[in-house]
Amino acid sequence: MSPTLVPRDALYVDPGAYRHHPPRPGDIVVVRDPILPTRHLVKRVGFVPDGPAPPDGTTVPAGSVYLVGDDPSVSRDSREFGPVPRSLLIGRAYACYRPIAHRRSL
């Protein structure tokens, strides 16, 4: 997620963020890796169902999101593993709290 986030940034995550509304394009989310479920990824919601289609022509099915990294040249995201079911979303990241120099809202 560089340049938005860098390794060792610590985030506040709201696990209940999507109880009352669906993810929105631009949200930064923590998600279970669809290939290695014991690993977590931090990605940006790029596309949602009933919205514009991703540039690669993929259809985003209902109940899923298309995730993108901020640096596409090195990012493992939906271009590699396809749309991700919302059930794999852990929550929406809303602030970086550590290190102190990086403290900010997202």
Protein backbone atom coordinates (compact mmCIF):
# COMPACT_ATOMS: atom_id res chain seq x y z
CA MET A 1 0.00 0.00 0.00
CA SER A 2 2.98 2.28 -0.38
CA PRO A 3 2.99 5.27 -0.55
CA THR A 4 -0.17 5.49 1.63
CA LEU A 5 1.15 2.93 4.12
CA VAL A 6 4.60 1.50 4.67
CA PRO A 7 5.80 -1.65 6.44
CA ARG A 8 5.42 -1.47 10.23
CA ASP A 9 2.60 1.09 10.12
CA ALA A 10 0.07 0.07 12.79
CA LEU A 11 -3.60 0.63 12.00
CA TYR A 12 -6.86 1.05 13.83
CA VAL A 13 -9.44 -1.19 12.14
CA ASP A 14 -13.21 -1.07 12.56
CA PRO A 15 -14.52 -4.66 12.27
CA GLY A 16 -18.14 -3.45 12.27
CA ALA A 17 -17.76 -0.88 9.53
CA TYR A 18 -19.80 -2.83 6.99
CA ARG A 19 -22.68 -3.99 9.17
CA HIS A 20 -24.95 -1.18 7.97
CA HIS A 21 -23.52 -0.22 4.59
CA PRO A 22 -21.42 -1.90 1.90
CA PRO A 23 -17.75 -1.12 1.23
CA ARG A 24 -17.18 1.94 -0.93
CA PRO A 25 -14.51 2.51 -3.57
CA GLY A 26 -11.53 4.15 -1.88
CA ASP A 27 -11.98 2.43 1.51
CA ILE A 28 -8.80 0.89 2.91
CA VAL A 29 -9.61 -2.56 4.25
CA VAL A 30 -7.91 -5.44 6.03
CA VAL A 31 -8.82 -8.72 4.36
CA ARG A 32 -7.93 -12.39 4.76
CA ASP A 33 -5.67 -13.38 1.88
CA PRO A 34 -7.87 -15.49 -0.43
CA ILE A 35 -4.86 -17.68 -1.34
CA LEU A 36 -3.18 -17.94 2.11
CA PRO A 37 -6.05 -17.50 4.63
CA THR A 38 -3.72 -17.29 7.65
CA ARG A 39 -2.27 -14.07 6.20
CA HIS A 40 -3.89 -10.62 6.21
CA LEU A 41 -3.62 -8.04 3.45
CA VAL A 42 -4.26 -4.29 3.49
CA LYS A 43 -5.83 -3.11 0.23
CA ARG A 44 -8.03 -0.38 -1.19
CA VAL A 45 -11.53 -1.15 -2.43
CA GLY A 46 -11.32 -0.33 -6.12
CA PHE A 47 -14.61 -1.55 -7.54
CA VAL A 48 -17.93 -2.81 -6.18
CA PRO A 49 -20.96 -4.56 -7.73
CA ASP A 50 -23.24 -2.29 -9.78
CA GLY A 51 -20.42 0.24 -10.22
CA PRO A 52 -17.96 0.84 -13.02
CA ALA A 53 -16.16 -2.29 -14.20
CA PRO A 54 -12.46 -2.78 -13.44
CA PRO A 55 -10.11 -1.98 -16.36
CA ASP A 56 -9.38 -5.68 -16.87
CA GLY A 57 -13.07 -6.28 -17.70
CA THR A 58 -13.76 -8.45 -14.65
CA THR A 59 -17.34 -8.47 -13.39
CA VAL A 60 -17.64 -7.85 -9.65
CA PRO A 61 -20.36 -10.24 -8.40
CA ALA A 62 -22.86 -9.30 -5.71
CA GLY A 63 -21.36 -9.77 -2.24
CA SER A 64 -17.80 -9.21 -3.46
CA VAL A 65 -15.31 -6.37 -3.89
CA TYR A 66 -12.41 -5.84 -6.28
CA LEU A 67 -9.31 -4.85 -4.31
CA VAL A 68 -6.34 -2.87 -5.56
CA GLY A 69 -2.99 -1.94 -4.07
CA ASP A 70 -1.67 1.60 -4.27
CA ASP A 71 1.46 0.47 -6.14
CA PRO A 72 0.21 -1.79 -8.95
CA SER A 73 3.72 -2.76 -10.07
CA VAL A 74 4.31 -4.78 -6.87
CA SER A 75 0.82 -5.38 -5.45
CA ARG A 76 -0.92 -8.72 -4.96
CA ASP A 77 -4.53 -7.77 -5.42
CA SER A 78 -7.69 -8.67 -7.34
CA ARG A 79 -5.80 -8.47 -10.63
CA GLU A 80 -4.09 -11.66 -9.40
CA PHE A 81 -6.80 -13.43 -7.37
CA GLY A 82 -10.04 -11.91 -8.67
CA PRO A 83 -12.91 -10.31 -6.74
CA VAL A 84 -12.98 -11.13 -3.03
CA PRO A 85 -16.12 -12.16 -1.09
CA ARG A 86 -17.11 -9.60 1.55
CA SER A 87 -16.97 -12.42 4.10
CA LEU A 88 -13.15 -12.22 3.91
CA LEU A 89 -13.12 -8.54 4.94
CA ILE A 90 -11.93 -8.11 8.52
CA GLY A 91 -12.73 -4.40 8.67
CA ARG A 92 -12.07 -0.88 7.44
CA ALA A 93 -8.78 0.76 8.42
CA TYR A 94 -9.48 4.31 9.58
CA ALA A 95 -6.24 5.56 11.16
CA CYS A 96 -2.53 4.90 11.41
CA TYR A 97 -1.27 5.22 14.98
CA ARG A 98 2.34 4.02 14.87
CA PRO A 99 5.02 5.09 14.33
CA ILE A 100 4.18 8.49 15.78
CA ALA A 101 5.59 10.26 12.73
CA HIS A 102 2.98 8.48 10.56
CA ARG A 103 0.01 9.09 12.89
CA ARG A 104 -2.98 10.21 10.82
CA SER A 105 -6.51 9.42 9.68
CA LEU A 106 -6.91 7.37 6.53
